[in-house]
Amino acid sequence: PYYYHFDVAMPGDEAGAFHSSDLWFSFGSLAKCWRPFVGWHYDLARRMGLYWTNFAANGDPNGTDRDGTPLPVWDPCIGEEYPAMHLCQEPGMRTDWLTETDRKAFGL
C-alpha cells in the first residue's frame, strides 16, 4: 500500500489543508478554482497526476516527470515506521507525520 499526507496551506484563507482540498491537485483543476495558486502548486498537481497515472498503469506510483527527471521516490507504506509521501511544496517521504490522533485512528 502507498500512503500520502497532503500538507498544503490553501491560499486565499486560513483554512489550511482540509478534507478534499487535495482534489483540485489530483484532478489538475487548479485553474478552475478561485484560490490564488502559484507555480509550485501547479508543479505539485502535475506530479500528483503522474503518481496516480503511474499507479493505475503499473501498481507503482514512481516514474519520471514530463521532462524526464525522476519524481521523488514514493516508498510503500510497510514496516513499523509507516512511511508516507509528504505532498507539499517539496514532496518527499516522511516517517514523522503521525500525530497522536493518527496513531489512535490507525490503532497503533
PDB file of N, CA and C in Angstrom:
ATOM      1  N   PRO A   1       0.817  -1.199   0.000  1.00  0.00           N
ATOM      2  CA  PRO A   1       0.000   0.000   0.000  1.00  0.00           C
ATOM      3  C   PRO A   1       0.865   1.270   0.000  1.00  0.00           C
ATOM      4  N   TYR A   2       0.357   2.288  -0.616  1.00  0.00           N
ATOM      5  CA  TYR A   2       1.037   3.586  -0.644  1.00  0.00           C
ATOM      6  C   TYR A   2       0.164   4.588   0.094  1.00  0.00           C
ATOM      7  N   TYR A   3       0.792   5.406   0.932  1.00  0.00           N
ATOM      8  CA  TYR A   3       0.058   6.356   1.739  1.00  0.00           C
ATOM      9  C   TYR A   3       0.628   7.737   1.492  1.00  0.00           C
ATOM     10  N   TYR A   4      -0.257   8.739   1.488  1.00  0.00           N
ATOM     11  CA  TYR A   4       0.239  10.098   1.372  1.00  0.00           C
ATOM     12  C   TYR A   4      -0.369  10.992   2.444  1.00  0.00           C
ATOM     13  N   HIS A   5       0.368  12.043   2.749  1.00  0.00           N
ATOM     14  CA  HIS A   5      -0.062  13.057   3.709  1.00  0.00           C
ATOM     15  C   HIS A   5      -0.054  14.373   2.949  1.00  0.00           C
ATOM     16  N   PHE A   6      -1.242  14.904   2.630  1.00  0.00           N
ATOM     17  CA  PHE A   6      -1.364  16.153   1.886  1.00  0.00           C
ATOM     18  C   PHE A   6      -1.232  17.313   2.858  1.00  0.00           C
ATOM     19  N   ASP A   7      -0.275  18.183   2.620  1.00  0.00           N
ATOM     20  CA  ASP A   7       0.039  19.254   3.567  1.00  0.00           C
ATOM     21  C   ASP A   7       0.266  20.554   2.817  1.00  0.00           C
ATOM     22  N   VAL A   8      -0.817  21.126   2.303  1.00  0.00           N
ATOM     23  CA  VAL A   8      -0.742  22.384   1.576  1.00  0.00           C
ATOM     24  C   VAL A   8      -1.687  23.381   2.240  1.00  0.00           C
ATOM     25  N   ALA A   9      -1.127  24.464   2.727  1.00  0.00           N
ATOM     26  CA  ALA A   9      -1.968  25.543   3.251  1.00  0.00           C
ATOM     27  C   ALA A   9      -2.629  26.200   2.053  1.00  0.00           C
ATOM     28  N   MET A  10      -3.918  26.041   1.924  1.00  0.00           N
ATOM     29  CA  MET A  10      -4.620  26.530   0.748  1.00  0.00           C
ATOM     30  C   MET A  10      -4.621  28.061   0.738  1.00  0.00           C
ATOM     31  N   PRO A  11      -4.159  28.664  -0.357  1.00  0.00           N
ATOM     32  CA  PRO A  11      -4.109  30.124  -0.410  1.00  0.00           C
ATOM     33  C   PRO A  11      -5.511  30.732  -0.502  1.00  0.00           C
ATOM     34  N   GLY A  12      -5.669  31.917   0.049  1.00  0.00           N
ATOM     35  CA  GLY A  12      -6.933  32.618  -0.060  1.00  0.00           C
ATOM     36  C   GLY A  12      -7.712  32.712   1.235  1.00  0.00           C
ATOM     37  N   ASP A  13      -7.367  31.903   2.228  1.00  0.00           N
ATOM     38  CA  ASP A  13      -7.979  31.982   3.550  1.00  0.00           C
ATOM     39  C   ASP A  13      -7.080  31.251   4.537  1.00  0.00           C
ATOM     40  N   GLU A  14      -7.539  31.087   5.727  1.00  0.00           N
ATOM     41  CA  GLU A  14      -6.742  30.450   6.780  1.00  0.00           C
ATOM     42  C   GLU A  14      -7.191  29.022   7.074  1.00  0.00           C
ATOM     43  N   ALA A  15      -7.869  28.371   6.135  1.00  0.00           N
ATOM     44  CA  ALA A  15      -8.419  27.035   6.370  1.00  0.00           C
ATOM     45  C   ALA A  15      -7.345  25.949   6.418  1.00  0.00           C
ATOM     46  N   GLY A  16      -6.177  26.201   5.844  1.00  0.00           N
ATOM     47  CA  GLY A  16      -5.133  25.173   5.808  1.00  0.00           C
ATOM     48  C   GLY A  16      -5.516  24.051   4.861  1.00  0.00           C
ATOM     49  N   ALA A  17      -4.937  22.883   5.054  1.00  0.00           N
ATOM     50  CA  ALA A  17      -5.302  21.698   4.279  1.00  0.00           C
ATOM     51  C   ALA A  17      -6.536  21.089   4.931  1.00  0.00           C
ATOM     52  N   PHE A  18      -7.580  20.879   4.168  1.00  0.00           N
ATOM     53  CA  PHE A  18      -8.824  20.351   4.715  1.00  0.00           C
ATOM     54  C   PHE A  18      -9.305  19.187   3.868  1.00  0.00           C
ATOM     55  N   HIS A  19     -10.267  18.451   4.390  1.00  0.00           N
ATOM     56  CA  HIS A  19     -10.805  17.294   3.680  1.00  0.00           C
ATOM     57  C   HIS A  19     -11.205  17.707   2.270  1.00  0.00           C
ATOM     58  N   SER A  20     -10.705  17.016   1.304  1.00  0.00           N
ATOM     59  CA  SER A  20     -10.957  17.177  -0.132  1.00  0.00           C
ATOM     60  C   SER A  20     -10.163  18.307  -0.777  1.00  0.00           C
ATOM     61  N   SER A  21      -9.328  19.033  -0.024  1.00  0.00           N
ATOM     62  CA  SER A  21      -8.551  20.098  -0.651  1.00  0.00           C
ATOM     63  C   SER A  21      -7.533  19.545  -1.645  1.00  0.00           C
ATOM     64  N   ASP A  22      -7.199  18.281  -1.513  1.00  0.00           N
ATOM     65  CA  ASP A  22      -6.261  17.666  -2.456  1.00  0.00           C
ATOM     66  C   ASP A  22      -6.893  17.377  -3.816  1.00  0.00           C
ATOM     67  N   LEU A  23      -8.212  17.435  -3.913  1.00  0.00           N
ATOM     68  CA  LEU A  23      -8.870  17.069  -5.172  1.00  0.00           C
ATOM     69  C   LEU A  23      -8.548  18.023  -6.316  1.00  0.00           C
ATOM     70  N   TRP A  24      -8.410  19.332  -6.037  1.00  0.00           N
ATOM     71  CA  TRP A  24      -8.025  20.256  -7.100  1.00  0.00           C
ATOM     72  C   TRP A  24      -6.674  19.845  -7.692  1.00  0.00           C
ATOM     73  N   PHE A  25      -5.800  19.341  -6.842  1.00  0.00           N
ATOM     74  CA  PHE A  25      -4.480  18.902  -7.283  1.00  0.00           C
ATOM     75  C   PHE A  25      -4.580  17.569  -8.012  1.00  0.00           C
ATOM     76  N   SER A  26      -5.324  16.634  -7.444  1.00  0.00           N
ATOM     77  CA  SER A  26      -5.443  15.297  -8.038  1.00  0.00           C
ATOM     78  C   SER A  26      -6.027  15.337  -9.440  1.00  0.00           C
ATOM     79  N   PHE A  27      -6.996  16.215  -9.645  1.00  0.00           N
ATOM     80  CA  PHE A  27      -7.656  16.290 -10.952  1.00  0.00           C
ATOM     81  C   PHE A  27      -7.082  17.378 -11.846  1.00  0.00           C
ATOM     82  N   GLY A  28      -6.039  18.065 -11.386  1.00  0.00           N
ATOM     83  CA  GLY A  28      -5.395  19.085 -12.201  1.00  0.00           C
ATOM     84  C   GLY A  28      -6.320  20.242 -12.552  1.00  0.00           C
ATOM     85  N   SER A  29      -7.183  20.606 -11.621  1.00  0.00           N
ATOM     86  CA  SER A  29      -8.169  21.653 -11.909  1.00  0.00           C
ATOM     87  C   SER A  29      -7.920  22.943 -11.123  1.00  0.00           C
ATOM     88  N   LEU A  30      -6.676  23.210 -10.791  1.00  0.00           N
ATOM     89  CA  LEU A  30      -6.348  24.403 -10.016  1.00  0.00           C
ATOM     90  C   LEU A  30      -6.825  25.685 -10.693  1.00  0.00           C
ATOM     91  N   ALA A  31      -6.702  25.744 -12.001  1.00  0.00           N
ATOM     92  CA  ALA A  31      -7.076  26.956 -12.737  1.00  0.00           C
ATOM     93  C   ALA A  31      -8.578  27.218 -12.693  1.00  0.00           C
ATOM     94  N   LYS A  32      -9.369  26.229 -12.335  1.00  0.00           N
ATOM     95  CA  LYS A  32     -10.826  26.381 -12.261  1.00  0.00           C
ATOM     96  C   LYS A  32     -11.277  26.871 -10.885  1.00  0.00           C
ATOM     97  N   CYS A  33     -10.349  27.005  -9.965  1.00  0.00           N
ATOM     98  CA  CYS A  33     -10.655  27.382  -8.588  1.00  0.00           C
ATOM     99  C   CYS A  33     -10.398  28.871  -8.382  1.00  0.00           C
ATOM    100  N   TRP A  34     -11.112  29.485  -7.457  1.00  0.00           N
ATOM    101  CA  TRP A  34     -10.940  30.906  -7.155  1.00  0.00           C
ATOM    102  C   TRP A  34      -9.671  31.198  -6.367  1.00  0.00           C
ATOM    103  N   ARG A  35      -9.053  30.174  -5.817  1.00  0.00           N
ATOM    104  CA  ARG A  35      -7.890  30.402  -4.962  1.00  0.00           C
ATOM    105  C   ARG A  35      -6.679  30.853  -5.791  1.00  0.00           C
ATOM    106  N   PRO A  36      -5.842  31.734  -5.226  1.00  0.00           N
ATOM    107  CA  PRO A  36      -4.684  32.257  -5.966  1.00  0.00           C
ATOM    108  C   PRO A  36      -3.482  31.302  -5.949  1.00  0.00           C
ATOM    109  N   PHE A  37      -3.596  30.191  -6.649  1.00  0.00           N
ATOM    110  CA  PHE A  37      -2.492  29.238  -6.722  1.00  0.00           C
ATOM    111  C   PHE A  37      -1.337  29.839  -7.508  1.00  0.00           C
ATOM    112  N   VAL A  38      -0.114  29.413  -7.167  1.00  0.00           N
ATOM    113  CA  VAL A  38       1.095  29.895  -7.839  1.00  0.00           C
ATOM    114  C   VAL A  38       1.848  28.707  -8.434  1.00  0.00           C
ATOM    115  N   GLY A  39       2.988  28.969  -9.016  1.00  0.00           N
ATOM    116  CA  GLY A  39       3.760  27.970  -9.752  1.00  0.00           C
ATOM    117  C   GLY A  39       3.960  26.627  -9.076  1.00  0.00           C
ATOM    118  N   TRP A  40       4.429  26.640  -7.815  1.00  0.00           N
ATOM    119  CA  TRP A  40       4.717  25.352  -7.173  1.00  0.00           C
ATOM    120  C   TRP A  40       3.454  24.532  -6.957  1.00  0.00           C
ATOM    121  N   HIS A  41       2.294  25.181  -6.804  1.00  0.00           N
ATOM    122  CA  HIS A  41       1.038  24.442  -6.685  1.00  0.00           C
ATOM    123  C   HIS A  41       0.779  23.631  -7.959  1.00  0.00           C
ATOM    124  N   TYR A  42       1.036  24.264  -9.109  1.00  0.00           N
ATOM    125  CA  TYR A  42       0.833  23.583 -10.387  1.00  0.00           C
ATOM    126  C   TYR A  42       1.850  22.458 -10.569  1.00  0.00           C
ATOM    127  N   ASP A  43       3.076  22.669 -10.087  1.00  0.00           N
ATOM    128  CA  ASP A  43       4.084  21.603 -10.140  1.00  0.00           C
ATOM    129  C   ASP A  43       3.631  20.400  -9.312  1.00  0.00           C
ATOM    130  N   LEU A  44       3.124  20.669  -8.114  1.00  0.00           N
ATOM    131  CA  LEU A  44       2.644  19.586  -7.257  1.00  0.00           C
ATOM    132  C   LEU A  44       1.466  18.865  -7.905  1.00  0.00           C
ATOM    133  N   ALA A  45       0.537  19.610  -8.481  1.00  0.00           N
ATOM    134  CA  ALA A  45      -0.619  18.997  -9.142  1.00  0.00           C
ATOM    135  C   ALA A  45      -0.164  18.090 -10.288  1.00  0.00           C
ATOM    136  N   ARG A  46       0.821  18.542 -11.070  1.00  0.00           N
ATOM    137  CA  ARG A  46       1.336  17.731 -12.169  1.00  0.00           C
ATOM    138  C   ARG A  46       1.947  16.438 -11.636  1.00  0.00           C
ATOM    139  N   ARG A  47       2.754  16.558 -10.588  1.00  0.00           N
ATOM    140  CA  ARG A  47       3.377  15.367 -10.003  1.00  0.00           C
ATOM    141  C   ARG A  47       2.335  14.405  -9.446  1.00  0.00           C
ATOM    142  N   MET A  48       1.324  14.944  -8.768  1.00  0.00           N
ATOM    143  CA  MET A  48       0.279  14.077  -8.218  1.00  0.00           C
ATOM    144  C   MET A  48      -0.438  13.337  -9.336  1.00  0.00           C
ATOM    145  N   GLY A  49      -0.746  14.033 -10.422  1.00  0.00           N
ATOM    146  CA  GLY A  49      -1.390  13.383 -11.559  1.00  0.00           C
ATOM    147  C   GLY A  49      -0.530  12.269 -12.138  1.00  0.00           C
ATOM    148  N   LEU A  50       0.770  12.503 -12.199  1.00  0.00           N
ATOM    149  CA  LEU A  50       1.683  11.473 -12.700  1.00  0.00           C
ATOM    150  C   LEU A  50       1.754  10.284 -11.742  1.00  0.00           C
ATOM    151  N   TYR A  51       1.794  10.555 -10.436  1.00  0.00           N
ATOM    152  CA  TYR A  51       1.793   9.455  -9.463  1.00  0.00           C
ATOM    153  C   TYR A  51       0.545   8.590  -9.636  1.00  0.00           C
ATOM    154  N   TRP A  52      -0.620   9.213  -9.727  1.00  0.00           N
ATOM    155  CA  TRP A  52      -1.880   8.453  -9.842  1.00  0.00           C
ATOM    156  C   TRP A  52      -1.901   7.671 -11.148  1.00  0.00           C
ATOM    157  N   THR A  53      -1.452   8.284 -12.239  1.00  0.00           N
ATOM    158  CA  THR A  53      -1.439   7.601 -13.533  1.00  0.00           C
ATOM    159  C   THR A  53      -0.474   6.419 -13.512  1.00  0.00           C
ATOM    160  N   ASN A  54       0.720   6.628 -12.965  1.00  0.00           N
ATOM    161  CA  ASN A  54       1.695   5.537 -12.863  1.00  0.00           C
ATOM    162  C   ASN A  54       1.139   4.390 -12.029  1.00  0.00           C
ATOM    163  N   PHE A  55       0.497   4.724 -10.907  1.00  0.00           N
ATOM    164  CA  PHE A  55      -0.057   3.678 -10.053  1.00  0.00           C
ATOM    165  C   PHE A  55      -1.158   2.903 -10.784  1.00  0.00           C
ATOM    166  N   ALA A  56      -2.019   3.605 -11.487  1.00  0.00           N
ATOM    167  CA  ALA A  56      -3.099   2.938 -12.220  1.00  0.00           C
ATOM    168  C   ALA A  56      -2.545   2.034 -13.317  1.00  0.00           C
ATOM    169  N   ALA A  57      -1.480   2.461 -13.949  1.00  0.00           N
ATOM    170  CA  ALA A  57      -0.909   1.694 -15.063  1.00  0.00           C
ATOM    171  C   ALA A  57      -0.021   0.544 -14.609  1.00  0.00           C
ATOM    172  N   ASN A  58       0.718   0.732 -13.509  1.00  0.00           N
ATOM    173  CA  ASN A  58       1.752  -0.222 -13.127  1.00  0.00           C
ATOM    174  C   ASN A  58       1.653  -0.767 -11.703  1.00  0.00           C
ATOM    175  N   GLY A  59       0.746  -0.220 -10.897  1.00  0.00           N
ATOM    176  CA  GLY A  59       0.691  -0.612  -9.491  1.00  0.00           C
ATOM    177  C   GLY A  59       1.803  -0.001  -8.665  1.00  0.00           C
ATOM    178  N   ASP A  60       2.509   0.970  -9.253  1.00  0.00           N
ATOM    179  CA  ASP A  60       3.631   1.643  -8.598  1.00  0.00           C
ATOM    180  C   ASP A  60       3.572   3.113  -9.001  1.00  0.00           C
ATOM    181  N   PRO A  61       3.496   4.043  -8.053  1.00  0.00           N
ATOM    182  CA  PRO A  61       3.382   5.458  -8.415  1.00  0.00           C
ATOM    183  C   PRO A  61       4.661   6.085  -8.966  1.00  0.00           C
ATOM    184  N   ASN A  62       5.796   5.432  -8.792  1.00  0.00           N
ATOM    185  CA  ASN A  62       7.075   6.017  -9.181  1.00  0.00           C
ATOM    186  C   ASN A  62       7.247   6.061 -10.688  1.00  0.00           C
ATOM    187  N   GLY A  63       8.036   7.041 -11.116  1.00  0.00           N
ATOM    188  CA  GLY A  63       8.303   7.210 -12.542  1.00  0.00           C
ATOM    189  C   GLY A  63       9.026   8.524 -12.761  1.00  0.00           C
ATOM    190  N   THR A  64       8.837   9.089 -13.930  1.00  0.00           N
ATOM    191  CA  THR A  64       9.515  10.335 -14.267  1.00  0.00           C
ATOM    192  C   THR A  64       8.513  11.453 -14.502  1.00  0.00           C
ATOM    193  N   ASP A  65       9.022  12.665 -14.302  1.00  0.00           N
ATOM    194  CA  ASP A  65       8.234  13.855 -14.590  1.00  0.00           C
ATOM    195  C   ASP A  65       8.206  14.034 -16.108  1.00  0.00           C
ATOM    196  N   ARG A  66       7.458  14.993 -16.568  1.00  0.00           N
ATOM    197  CA  ARG A  66       7.310  15.186 -18.017  1.00  0.00           C
ATOM    198  C   ARG A  66       8.618  15.551 -18.706  1.00  0.00           C
ATOM    199  N   ASP A  67       9.572  16.117 -17.961  1.00  0.00           N
ATOM    200  CA  ASP A  67      10.863  16.472 -18.564  1.00  0.00           C
ATOM    201  C   ASP A  67      11.879  15.335 -18.451  1.00  0.00           C
ATOM    202  N   GLY A  68      11.448  14.182 -17.931  1.00  0.00           N
ATOM    203  CA  GLY A  68      12.324  13.022 -17.832  1.00  0.00           C
ATOM    204  C   GLY A  68      13.045  12.880 -16.506  1.00  0.00           C
ATOM    205  N   THR A  69      12.968  13.880 -15.629  1.00  0.00           N
ATOM    206  CA  THR A  69      13.614  13.749 -14.331  1.00  0.00           C
ATOM    207  C   THR A  69      12.772  12.844 -13.432  1.00  0.00           C
ATOM    208  N   PRO A  70      13.404  12.077 -12.568  1.00  0.00           N
ATOM    209  CA  PRO A  70      12.645  11.189 -11.688  1.00  0.00           C
ATOM    210  C   PRO A  70      11.757  11.975 -10.721  1.00  0.00           C
ATOM    211  N   LEU A  71      10.561  11.463 -10.508  1.00  0.00           N
ATOM    212  CA  LEU A  71       9.705  12.005  -9.457  1.00  0.00           C
ATOM    213  C   LEU A  71      10.326  11.643  -8.113  1.00  0.00           C
ATOM    214  N   PRO A  72      10.073  12.423  -7.059  1.00  0.00           N
ATOM    215  CA  PRO A  72      10.539  11.990  -5.737  1.00  0.00           C
ATOM    216  C   PRO A  72      10.031  10.575  -5.455  1.00  0.00           C
ATOM    217  N   VAL A  73      10.916   9.706  -5.005  1.00  0.00           N
ATOM    218  CA  VAL A  73      10.577   8.293  -4.799  1.00  0.00           C
ATOM    219  C   VAL A  73       9.501   8.160  -3.734  1.00  0.00           C
ATOM    220  N   TRP A  74       8.505   7.340  -4.039  1.00  0.00           N
ATOM    221  CA  TRP A  74       7.396   7.064  -3.131  1.00  0.00           C
ATOM    222  C   TRP A  74       7.496   5.605  -2.721  1.00  0.00           C
ATOM    223  N   ASP A  75       7.911   5.372  -1.476  1.00  0.00           N
ATOM    224  CA  ASP A  75       8.059   4.019  -0.956  1.00  0.00           C
ATOM    225  C   ASP A  75       6.710   3.494  -0.465  1.00  0.00           C
ATOM    226  N   PRO A  76       6.502   2.170  -0.533  1.00  0.00           N
ATOM    227  CA  PRO A  76       5.268   1.601   0.028  1.00  0.00           C
ATOM    228  C   PRO A  76       5.200   1.818   1.537  1.00  0.00           C
ATOM    229  N   CYS A  77       4.000   1.880   2.058  1.00  0.00           N
ATOM    230  CA  CYS A  77       3.779   2.082   3.493  1.00  0.00           C
ATOM    231  C   CYS A  77       3.796   0.725   4.193  1.00  0.00           C
ATOM    232  N   ILE A  78       5.004   0.224   4.431  1.00  0.00           N
ATOM    233  CA  ILE A  78       5.171  -1.046   5.127  1.00  0.00           C
ATOM    234  C   ILE A  78       6.229  -0.865   6.206  1.00  0.00           C
ATOM    235  N   GLY A  79       6.131  -1.643   7.235  1.00  0.00           N
ATOM    236  CA  GLY A  79       7.096  -1.565   8.320  1.00  0.00           C
ATOM    237  C   GLY A  79       6.557  -0.798   9.505  1.00  0.00           C
ATOM    238  N   GLU A  80       7.354  -0.743  10.514  1.00  0.00           N
ATOM    239  CA  GLU A  80       6.973  -0.117  11.777  1.00  0.00           C
ATOM    240  C   GLU A  80       6.922   1.408  11.720  1.00  0.00           C
ATOM    241  N   GLU A  81       7.610   2.020  10.755  1.00  0.00           N
ATOM    242  CA  GLU A  81       7.695   3.480  10.714  1.00  0.00           C
ATOM    243  C   GLU A  81       6.537   4.130   9.958  1.00  0.00           C
ATOM    244  N   TYR A  82       5.758   3.379   9.205  1.00  0.00           N
ATOM    245  CA  TYR A  82       4.622   3.895   8.437  1.00  0.00           C
ATOM    246  C   TYR A  82       5.024   5.065   7.542  1.00  0.00           C
ATOM    247  N   PRO A  83       5.919   4.827   6.580  1.00  0.00           N
ATOM    248  CA  PRO A  83       6.342   5.918   5.710  1.00  0.00           C
ATOM    249  C   PRO A  83       5.194   6.412   4.830  1.00  0.00           C
ATOM    250  N   ALA A  84       5.175   7.713   4.617  1.00  0.00           N
ATOM    251  CA  ALA A  84       4.146   8.334   3.790  1.00  0.00           C
ATOM    252  C   ALA A  84       4.792   9.371   2.885  1.00  0.00           C
ATOM    253  N   MET A  85       4.242   9.520   1.681  1.00  0.00           N
ATOM    254  CA  MET A  85       4.681  10.594   0.800  1.00  0.00           C
ATOM    255  C   MET A  85       4.078  11.888   1.341  1.00  0.00           C
ATOM    256  N   HIS A  86       4.940  12.833   1.645  1.00  0.00           N
ATOM    257  CA  HIS A  86       4.506  14.131   2.148  1.00  0.00           C
ATOM    258  C   HIS A  86       4.314  15.026   0.925  1.00  0.00           C
ATOM    259  N   LEU A  87       3.046  15.224   0.534  1.00  0.00           N
ATOM    260  CA  LEU A  87       2.731  16.044  -0.622  1.00  0.00           C
ATOM    261  C   LEU A  87       2.589  17.490  -0.168  1.00  0.00           C
ATOM    262  N   CYS A  88       3.589  18.283  -0.548  1.00  0.00           N
ATOM    263  CA  CYS A  88       3.693  19.676  -0.115  1.00  0.00           C
ATOM    264  C   CYS A  88       4.552  20.407  -1.136  1.00  0.00           C
ATOM    265  N   GLN A  89       5.052  21.579  -0.787  1.00  0.00           N
ATOM    266  CA  GLN A  89       5.863  22.355  -1.726  1.00  0.00           C
ATOM    267  C   GLN A  89       7.107  21.578  -2.165  1.00  0.00           C
ATOM    268  N   GLU A  90       7.702  20.829  -1.265  1.00  0.00           N
ATOM    269  CA  GLU A  90       8.865  19.982  -1.580  1.00  0.00           C
ATOM    270  C   GLU A  90       8.517  18.544  -1.218  1.00  0.00           C
ATOM    271  N   PRO A  91       7.857  17.799  -2.114  1.00  0.00           N
ATOM    272  CA  PRO A  91       7.409  16.436  -1.782  1.00  0.00           C
ATOM    273  C   PRO A  91       8.568  15.497  -1.449  1.00  0.00           C
ATOM    274  N   GLY A  92       8.293  14.569  -0.562  1.00  0.00           N
ATOM    275  CA  GLY A  92       9.276  13.564  -0.193  1.00  0.00           C
ATOM    276  C   GLY A  92       8.719  12.638   0.866  1.00  0.00           C
ATOM    277  N   MET A  93       9.416  11.558   1.110  1.00  0.00           N
ATOM    278  CA  MET A  93       8.978  10.570   2.092  1.00  0.00           C
ATOM    279  C   MET A  93       9.236  11.078   3.505  1.00  0.00           C
ATOM    280  N   ARG A  94       8.292  10.760   4.398  1.00  0.00           N
ATOM    281  CA  ARG A  94       8.415  11.111   5.814  1.00  0.00           C
ATOM    282  C   ARG A  94       7.924   9.959   6.662  1.00  0.00           C
ATOM    283  N   THR A  95       8.538   9.827   7.821  1.00  0.00           N
ATOM    284  CA  THR A  95       8.063   8.847   8.796  1.00  0.00           C
ATOM    285  C   THR A  95       7.597   9.533  10.069  1.00  0.00           C
ATOM    286  N   ASP A  96       7.743  10.844  10.153  1.00  0.00           N
ATOM    287  CA  ASP A  96       7.379  11.572  11.372  1.00  0.00           C
ATOM    288  C   ASP A  96       6.035  12.288  11.255  1.00  0.00           C
ATOM    289  N   TRP A  97       5.201  11.858  10.346  1.00  0.00           N
ATOM    290  CA  TRP A  97       3.925  12.540  10.098  1.00  0.00           C
ATOM    291  C   TRP A  97       2.826  12.136  11.074  1.00  0.00           C
ATOM    292  N   LEU A  98       2.964  10.996  11.728  1.00  0.00           N
ATOM    293  CA  LEU A  98       1.900  10.509  12.606  1.00  0.00           C
ATOM    294  C   LEU A  98       1.745  11.357  13.868  1.00  0.00           C
ATOM    295  N   THR A  99       0.556  11.895  14.066  1.00  0.00           N
ATOM    296  CA  THR A  99       0.245  12.581  15.314  1.00  0.00           C
ATOM    297  C   THR A  99      -0.368  11.556  16.268  1.00  0.00           C
ATOM    298  N   GLU A 100      -0.591  11.938  17.488  1.00  0.00           N
ATOM    299  CA  GLU A 100      -1.226  11.026  18.440  1.00  0.00           C
ATOM    300  C   GLU A 100      -2.626  10.656  17.964  1.00  0.00           C
ATOM    301  N   THR A 101      -3.327  11.602  17.363  1.00  0.00           N
ATOM    302  CA  THR A 101      -4.662  11.336  16.816  1.00  0.00           C
ATOM    303  C   THR A 101      -4.580  10.300  15.695  1.00  0.00           C
ATOM    304  N   ASP A 102      -3.575  10.436  14.815  1.00  0.00           N
ATOM    305  CA  ASP A 102      -3.375   9.460  13.741  1.00  0.00           C
ATOM    306  C   ASP A 102      -3.108   8.080  14.311  1.00  0.00           C
ATOM    307  N   ARG A 103      -2.253   8.011  15.312  1.00  0.00           N
ATOM    308  CA  ARG A 103      -1.899   6.724  15.911  1.00  0.00           C
ATOM    309  C   ARG A 103      -3.149   6.033  16.478  1.00  0.00           C
ATOM    310  N   LYS A 104      -4.006   6.796  17.141  1.00  0.00           N
ATOM    311  CA  LYS A 104      -5.253   6.219  17.671  1.00  0.00           C
ATOM    312  C   LYS A 104      -6.163   5.766  16.541  1.00  0.00           C
ATOM    313  N   ALA A 105      -6.270   6.568  15.491  1.00  0.00           N
ATOM    314  CA  ALA A 105      -7.123   6.223  14.353  1.00  0.00           C
ATOM    315  C   ALA A 105      -6.666   4.934  13.685  1.00  0.00           C
ATOM    316  N   PHE A 106      -5.349   4.731  13.609  1.00  0.00           N
ATOM    317  CA  PHE A 106      -4.794   3.529  12.988  1.00  0.00           C
ATOM    318  C   PHE A 106      -4.666   2.369  13.958  1.00  0.00           C
ATOM    319  N   GLY A 107      -5.039   2.580  15.209  1.00  0.00           N
ATOM    320  CA  GLY A 107      -4.945   1.523  16.191  1.00  0.00           C
ATOM    321  C   GLY A 107      -3.524   1.175  16.579  1.00  0.00           C
ATOM    322  N   LEU A 108      -2.645   2.173  16.590  1.00  0.00           N
ATOM    323  CA  LEU A 108      -1.223   1.939  16.909  1.00  0.00           C
ATOM    324  C   LEU A 108      -0.924   2.220  18.360  1.00  0.00           C
TER     325      LEU A 108
END
